[in-house]
Amino acid sequence: MCKPFAGSAPRAADPKLDAANAAALASSAKNRHEHQLVVDTMRVALEPLCEDLTIPAQPQLNRTAAVWHLCTAITGRLRNISTTAIDLALALHPTPAVGGVPTKAATELIAELEGDRGFYAGAVGWCDGRGDGHWVVSIRCAQLSADRRAALAHAGGGIVAESDPDDELEETTTKFATILTALGVEQ
């Protein structure tokens, strides 16, 4: 199973505002478009490796402490039992959430504009001797300095034609809350 997350909105302490944020995300054409780009790209990547793919027509809401996300649980059965978790990770990475579409042109432009992303937007996971494993995209991460006194944190947002720069900045700032909390930074 893979469960892409794309499209997000901030959580709120007030239950009514939190519910409104979730409802706005679920009905947002921009966020649903962003999410569908990821799901469609993953479908194309998985079809040669899997049969009986099950992909719900509508995304679900998933909540973390700081953010609401749109997510879709994609399941299927491998065509070949020798396919490993690493094979699947390589087929899926980079997802449009971190690499854009069309993938080749977008990743080339990102490399030109941003240079080496380090751990940010990488695939992090494991694979055992049987080929089973679990992989995630490091869409929020931080790297500690050698002396462990400083950290470089990364978070990002999906940009589509309908994106508003101010909204994207706010979304990315909200996503940093997860990293800052993990680092023990008071907010």
C-alpha atoms as a PDB file:
ATOM      1  CA  MET A   1       0.000   0.000   0.000  1.00  0.00           C
ATOM      2  CA  CYS A   2       1.081   3.565  -0.584  1.00  0.00           C
ATOM      3  CA  LYS A   3      -0.669   6.586   0.810  1.00  0.00           C
ATOM      4  CA  PRO A   4       0.198   9.842  -0.937  1.00  0.00           C
ATOM      5  CA  PHE A   5      -0.436  13.059   0.944  1.00  0.00           C
ATOM      6  CA  ALA A   6      -0.812  16.251  -1.094  1.00  0.00           C
ATOM      7  CA  GLY A   7      -2.888  19.314  -0.348  1.00  0.00           C
ATOM      8  CA  SER A   8      -2.904  20.687   3.170  1.00  0.00           C
ATOM      9  CA  ALA A   9      -4.450  23.204   5.545  1.00  0.00           C
ATOM     10  CA  PRO A  10      -3.511  24.332   9.062  1.00  0.00           C
ATOM     11  CA  ARG A  11      -5.076  22.840  12.186  1.00  0.00           C
ATOM     12  CA  ALA A  12      -6.695  25.220  14.669  1.00  0.00           C
ATOM     13  CA  ALA A  13      -7.126  25.079  18.445  1.00  0.00           C
ATOM     14  CA  ASP A  14     -10.752  26.152  18.123  1.00  0.00           C
ATOM     15  CA  PRO A  15     -12.795  23.049  17.124  1.00  0.00           C
ATOM     16  CA  LYS A  16     -15.155  25.016  14.863  1.00  0.00           C
ATOM     17  CA  LEU A  17     -12.298  26.708  13.006  1.00  0.00           C
ATOM     18  CA  ASP A  18     -10.444  23.385  12.782  1.00  0.00           C
ATOM     19  CA  ALA A  19     -13.508  21.725  11.238  1.00  0.00           C
ATOM     20  CA  ALA A  20     -13.914  24.668   8.851  1.00  0.00           C
ATOM     21  CA  ASN A  21     -10.265  24.359   7.771  1.00  0.00           C
ATOM     22  CA  ALA A  22     -10.754  20.639   7.124  1.00  0.00           C
ATOM     23  CA  ALA A  23     -13.948  21.254   5.141  1.00  0.00           C
ATOM     24  CA  ALA A  24     -12.303  24.016   3.114  1.00  0.00           C
ATOM     25  CA  LEU A  25      -9.404  21.701   2.269  1.00  0.00           C
ATOM     26  CA  ALA A  26     -11.736  18.879   1.246  1.00  0.00           C
ATOM     27  CA  SER A  27     -13.614  21.194  -1.123  1.00  0.00           C
ATOM     28  CA  SER A  28     -10.615  23.170  -2.441  1.00  0.00           C
ATOM     29  CA  ALA A  29     -10.297  22.804  -6.220  1.00  0.00           C
ATOM     30  CA  LYS A  30      -6.640  23.854  -6.047  1.00  0.00           C
ATOM     31  CA  ASN A  31      -5.716  21.300  -3.376  1.00  0.00           C
ATOM     32  CA  ARG A  32      -7.736  18.521  -4.997  1.00  0.00           C
ATOM     33  CA  HIS A  33      -5.975  19.248  -8.315  1.00  0.00           C
ATOM     34  CA  GLU A  34      -2.573  19.160  -6.590  1.00  0.00           C
ATOM     35  CA  HIS A  35      -3.506  15.873  -4.914  1.00  0.00           C
ATOM     36  CA  GLN A  36      -4.822  14.329  -8.119  1.00  0.00           C
ATOM     37  CA  LEU A  37      -1.540  15.088  -9.930  1.00  0.00           C
ATOM     38  CA  VAL A  38       0.272  12.990  -7.332  1.00  0.00           C
ATOM     39  CA  VAL A  39      -2.270  10.146  -7.424  1.00  0.00           C
ATOM     40  CA  ASP A  40      -2.328  10.019 -11.235  1.00  0.00           C
ATOM     41  CA  THR A  41       1.468   9.951 -11.456  1.00  0.00           C
ATOM     42  CA  MET A  42       1.636   7.185  -8.860  1.00  0.00           C
ATOM     43  CA  ARG A  43      -0.985   5.193 -10.755  1.00  0.00           C
ATOM     44  CA  VAL A  44       1.097   5.364 -13.943  1.00  0.00           C
ATOM     45  CA  ALA A  45       4.236   4.313 -12.027  1.00  0.00           C
ATOM     46  CA  LEU A  46       2.513   1.400 -10.265  1.00  0.00           C
ATOM     47  CA  GLU A  47       0.476  -0.060 -13.147  1.00  0.00           C
ATOM     48  CA  PRO A  48       3.450  -1.910 -14.722  1.00  0.00           C
ATOM     49  CA  LEU A  49       4.386  -3.398 -11.326  1.00  0.00           C
ATOM     50  CA  CYS A  50       0.964  -4.130  -9.853  1.00  0.00           C
ATOM     51  CA  GLU A  51      -2.351  -5.645 -10.774  1.00  0.00           C
ATOM     52  CA  ASP A  52      -5.699  -5.021  -9.197  1.00  0.00           C
ATOM     53  CA  LEU A  53      -4.806  -1.468  -8.215  1.00  0.00           C
ATOM     54  CA  THR A  54      -7.472   0.051  -6.019  1.00  0.00           C
ATOM     55  CA  ILE A  55      -7.501   3.832  -5.976  1.00  0.00           C
ATOM     56  CA  PRO A  56     -10.465   5.578  -4.352  1.00  0.00           C
ATOM     57  CA  ALA A  57     -12.096   8.260  -6.494  1.00  0.00           C
ATOM     58  CA  GLN A  58     -11.998  10.825  -3.682  1.00  0.00           C
ATOM     59  CA  PRO A  59      -9.216  11.631  -1.213  1.00  0.00           C
ATOM     60  CA  GLN A  60      -9.731  11.379   2.519  1.00  0.00           C
ATOM     61  CA  LEU A  61      -8.778  13.873   5.211  1.00  0.00           C
ATOM     62  CA  ASN A  62      -5.853  12.973   7.452  1.00  0.00           C
ATOM     63  CA  ARG A  63      -4.862  15.062  10.445  1.00  0.00           C
ATOM     64  CA  THR A  64      -1.594  15.567  12.236  1.00  0.00           C
ATOM     65  CA  ALA A  65      -1.056  17.810  15.238  1.00  0.00           C
ATOM     66  CA  ALA A  66      -0.347  20.812  12.986  1.00  0.00           C
ATOM     67  CA  VAL A  67      -1.827  20.125   9.547  1.00  0.00           C
ATOM     68  CA  TRP A  68      -4.792  18.613   7.705  1.00  0.00           C
ATOM     69  CA  HIS A  69      -3.832  16.667   4.572  1.00  0.00           C
ATOM     70  CA  LEU A  70      -5.664  15.140   1.653  1.00  0.00           C
ATOM     71  CA  CYS A  71      -4.589  11.509   1.282  1.00  0.00           C
ATOM     72  CA  THR A  72      -5.495   8.512  -0.831  1.00  0.00           C
ATOM     73  CA  ALA A  73      -4.740   4.907   0.126  1.00  0.00           C
ATOM     74  CA  ILE A  74      -3.572   3.061  -3.009  1.00  0.00           C
ATOM     75  CA  THR A  75      -3.474  -0.729  -2.802  1.00  0.00           C
ATOM     76  CA  GLY A  76      -2.614  -3.438  -5.280  1.00  0.00           C
ATOM     77  CA  ARG A  77      -1.012  -6.827  -5.775  1.00  0.00           C
ATOM     78  CA  LEU A  78       2.475  -7.171  -7.223  1.00  0.00           C
ATOM     79  CA  ARG A  79       2.640  -8.746 -10.680  1.00  0.00           C
ATOM     80  CA  ASN A  80       5.991 -10.340  -9.862  1.00  0.00           C
ATOM     81  CA  ILE A  81       6.838 -11.696  -6.412  1.00  0.00           C
ATOM     82  CA  SER A  82      10.465 -10.672  -6.896  1.00  0.00           C
ATOM     83  CA  THR A  83       9.512  -6.965  -6.892  1.00  0.00           C
ATOM     84  CA  THR A  84      10.890  -5.395  -3.717  1.00  0.00           C
ATOM     85  CA  ALA A  85      10.020  -2.355  -1.658  1.00  0.00           C
ATOM     86  CA  ILE A  86      13.115  -0.699  -3.134  1.00  0.00           C
ATOM     87  CA  ASP A  87      11.793  -1.347  -6.665  1.00  0.00           C
ATOM     88  CA  LEU A  88       8.524   0.334  -5.711  1.00  0.00           C
ATOM     89  CA  ALA A  89      10.280   3.275  -4.054  1.00  0.00           C
ATOM     90  CA  LEU A  90      12.446   3.800  -7.138  1.00  0.00           C
ATOM     91  CA  ALA A  91       9.395   3.663  -9.414  1.00  0.00           C
ATOM     92  CA  LEU A  92       7.501   6.213  -7.319  1.00  0.00           C
ATOM     93  CA  HIS A  93      10.277   8.646  -6.450  1.00  0.00           C
ATOM     94  CA  PRO A  94      10.255  11.557  -6.882  1.00  0.00           C
ATOM     95  CA  THR A  95       6.530  12.090  -6.555  1.00  0.00           C
ATOM     96  CA  PRO A  96       5.030  15.295  -7.959  1.00  0.00           C
ATOM     97  CA  ALA A  97       4.730  16.522  -4.358  1.00  0.00           C
ATOM     98  CA  VAL A  98       8.505  17.067  -4.349  1.00  0.00           C
ATOM     99  CA  GLY A  99       9.512  16.729  -7.992  1.00  0.00           C
ATOM    100  CA  GLY A 100       6.726  18.323 -10.004  1.00  0.00           C
ATOM    101  CA  VAL A 101       5.199  17.327 -13.344  1.00  0.00           C
ATOM    102  CA  PRO A 102       6.179  16.602 -15.985  1.00  0.00           C
ATOM    103  CA  THR A 103       8.761  14.801 -13.856  1.00  0.00           C
ATOM    104  CA  LYS A 104      11.866  15.034 -16.057  1.00  0.00           C
ATOM    105  CA  ALA A 105      11.500  18.718 -16.920  1.00  0.00           C
ATOM    106  CA  ALA A 106      10.460  19.655 -13.383  1.00  0.00           C
ATOM    107  CA  THR A 107      13.302  17.813 -11.657  1.00  0.00           C
ATOM    108  CA  GLU A 108      15.840  19.315 -14.059  1.00  0.00           C
ATOM    109  CA  LEU A 109      14.545  22.823 -13.316  1.00  0.00           C
ATOM    110  CA  ILE A 110      14.529  22.165  -9.570  1.00  0.00           C
ATOM    111  CA  ALA A 111      18.143  20.943  -9.720  1.00  0.00           C
ATOM    112  CA  GLU A 112      19.129  24.063 -11.669  1.00  0.00           C
ATOM    113  CA  LEU A 113      17.336  26.487  -9.332  1.00  0.00           C
ATOM    114  CA  GLU A 114      17.899  24.801  -5.969  1.00  0.00           C
ATOM    115  CA  GLY A 115      21.008  22.679  -6.353  1.00  0.00           C
ATOM    116  CA  ASP A 116      21.489  19.709  -4.053  1.00  0.00           C
ATOM    117  CA  ARG A 117      18.538  19.330  -1.694  1.00  0.00           C
ATOM    118  CA  GLY A 118      20.435  17.047   0.667  1.00  0.00           C
ATOM    119  CA  PHE A 119      17.993  14.902   2.613  1.00  0.00           C
ATOM    120  CA  TYR A 120      15.030  17.117   1.733  1.00  0.00           C
ATOM    121  CA  ALA A 121      12.621  15.439  -0.694  1.00  0.00           C
ATOM    122  CA  GLY A 122      14.552  12.179  -0.554  1.00  0.00           C
ATOM    123  CA  ALA A 123      13.240   8.677  -0.018  1.00  0.00           C
ATOM    124  CA  VAL A 124      13.837   7.375   3.500  1.00  0.00           C
ATOM    125  CA  GLY A 125      13.102   3.809   4.482  1.00  0.00           C
ATOM    126  CA  TRP A 126      14.184   0.227   4.784  1.00  0.00           C
ATOM    127  CA  CYS A 127      14.018  -3.072   2.949  1.00  0.00           C
ATOM    128  CA  ASP A 128      14.614  -6.481   4.542  1.00  0.00           C
ATOM    129  CA  GLY A 129      16.085  -9.630   3.005  1.00  0.00           C
ATOM    130  CA  ARG A 130      12.675 -10.710   1.674  1.00  0.00           C
ATOM    131  CA  GLY A 131      12.164  -7.412  -0.131  1.00  0.00           C
ATOM    132  CA  ASP A 132       9.546  -6.107   2.289  1.00  0.00           C
ATOM    133  CA  GLY A 133       9.961  -2.567   3.493  1.00  0.00           C
ATOM    134  CA  HIS A 134       8.551   0.851   4.157  1.00  0.00           C
ATOM    135  CA  TRP A 135       9.531   4.098   2.430  1.00  0.00           C
ATOM    136  CA  VAL A 136       8.464   7.708   2.923  1.00  0.00           C
ATOM    137  CA  VAL A 137       9.307  11.025   1.301  1.00  0.00           C
ATOM    138  CA  SER A 138      11.293  13.357   3.554  1.00  0.00           C
ATOM    139  CA  ILE A 139       9.084  16.327   2.723  1.00  0.00           C
ATOM    140  CA  ARG A 140       9.744  17.803   6.158  1.00  0.00           C
ATOM    141  CA  CYS A 141      13.162  17.243   7.639  1.00  0.00           C
ATOM    142  CA  ALA A 142      16.089  18.837   9.421  1.00  0.00           C
ATOM    143  CA  GLN A 143      19.797  18.176   9.436  1.00  0.00           C
ATOM    144  CA  LEU A 144      21.817  18.880  12.555  1.00  0.00           C
ATOM    145  CA  SER A 145      25.235  20.496  12.312  1.00  0.00           C
ATOM    146  CA  ALA A 146      28.272  18.445  13.323  1.00  0.00           C
ATOM    147  CA  ASP A 147      28.361  20.159  16.721  1.00  0.00           C
ATOM    148  CA  ARG A 148      24.580  19.599  17.125  1.00  0.00           C
ATOM    149  CA  ARG A 149      24.072  23.288  17.963  1.00  0.00           C
ATOM    150  CA  ALA A 150      22.317  24.259  14.737  1.00  0.00           C
ATOM    151  CA  ALA A 151      19.825  22.673  12.372  1.00  0.00           C
ATOM    152  CA  LEU A 152      18.836  23.368   8.798  1.00  0.00           C
ATOM    153  CA  ALA A 153      15.120  22.617   8.432  1.00  0.00           C
ATOM    154  CA  HIS A 154      13.225  22.005   5.206  1.00  0.00           C
ATOM    155  CA  ALA A 155       9.531  21.996   4.334  1.00  0.00           C
ATOM    156  CA  GLY A 156       7.729  22.716   1.117  1.00  0.00           C
ATOM    157  CA  GLY A 157       4.427  23.146  -0.606  1.00  0.00           C
ATOM    158  CA  GLY A 158       2.983  21.911  -3.845  1.00  0.00           C
ATOM    159  CA  ILE A 159       2.763  24.695  -6.400  1.00  0.00           C
ATOM    160  CA  VAL A 160       0.178  24.458  -9.171  1.00  0.00           C
ATOM    161  CA  ALA A 161      -1.219  27.054 -11.569  1.00  0.00           C
ATOM    162  CA  GLU A 162      -3.971  27.955  -9.084  1.00  0.00           C
ATOM    163  CA  SER A 163      -1.526  28.558  -6.207  1.00  0.00           C
ATOM    164  CA  ASP A 164      -1.449  31.894  -4.413  1.00  0.00           C
ATOM    165  CA  PRO A 165       2.097  32.789  -3.252  1.00  0.00           C
ATOM    166  CA  ASP A 166       0.928  34.183   0.097  1.00  0.00           C
ATOM    167  CA  ASP A 167      -1.174  31.077   0.792  1.00  0.00           C
ATOM    168  CA  GLU A 168       1.753  28.813  -0.125  1.00  0.00           C
ATOM    169  CA  LEU A 169       4.072  30.716   2.221  1.00  0.00           C
ATOM    170  CA  GLU A 170       1.536  30.385   5.044  1.00  0.00           C
ATOM    171  CA  GLU A 171       1.102  26.652   4.304  1.00  0.00           C
ATOM    172  CA  THR A 172       4.842  26.021   4.305  1.00  0.00           C
ATOM    173  CA  THR A 173       5.279  28.027   7.511  1.00  0.00           C
ATOM    174  CA  THR A 174       2.576  25.886   9.143  1.00  0.00           C
ATOM    175  CA  LYS A 175       4.366  22.730   8.010  1.00  0.00           C
ATOM    176  CA  PHE A 176       7.543  23.912   9.726  1.00  0.00           C
ATOM    177  CA  ALA A 177       5.702  23.537  13.052  1.00  0.00           C
ATOM    178  CA  THR A 178       6.246  19.773  12.881  1.00  0.00           C
ATOM    179  CA  ILE A 179      10.009  20.144  12.510  1.00  0.00           C
ATOM    180  CA  LEU A 180      10.261  22.926  15.081  1.00  0.00           C
ATOM    181  CA  THR A 181       8.342  20.840  17.617  1.00  0.00           C
ATOM    182  CA  ALA A 182      10.635  17.856  16.987  1.00  0.00           C
ATOM    183  CA  LEU A 183      13.648  20.106  17.552  1.00  0.00           C
ATOM    184  CA  GLY A 184      12.170  21.442  20.795  1.00  0.00           C
ATOM    185  CA  VAL A 185      11.779  24.987  19.483  1.00  0.00           C
ATOM    186  CA  GLU A 186       9.140  27.010  21.310  1.00  0.00           C
ATOM    187  CA  GLN A 187       6.666  28.605  18.921  1.00  0.00           C
END
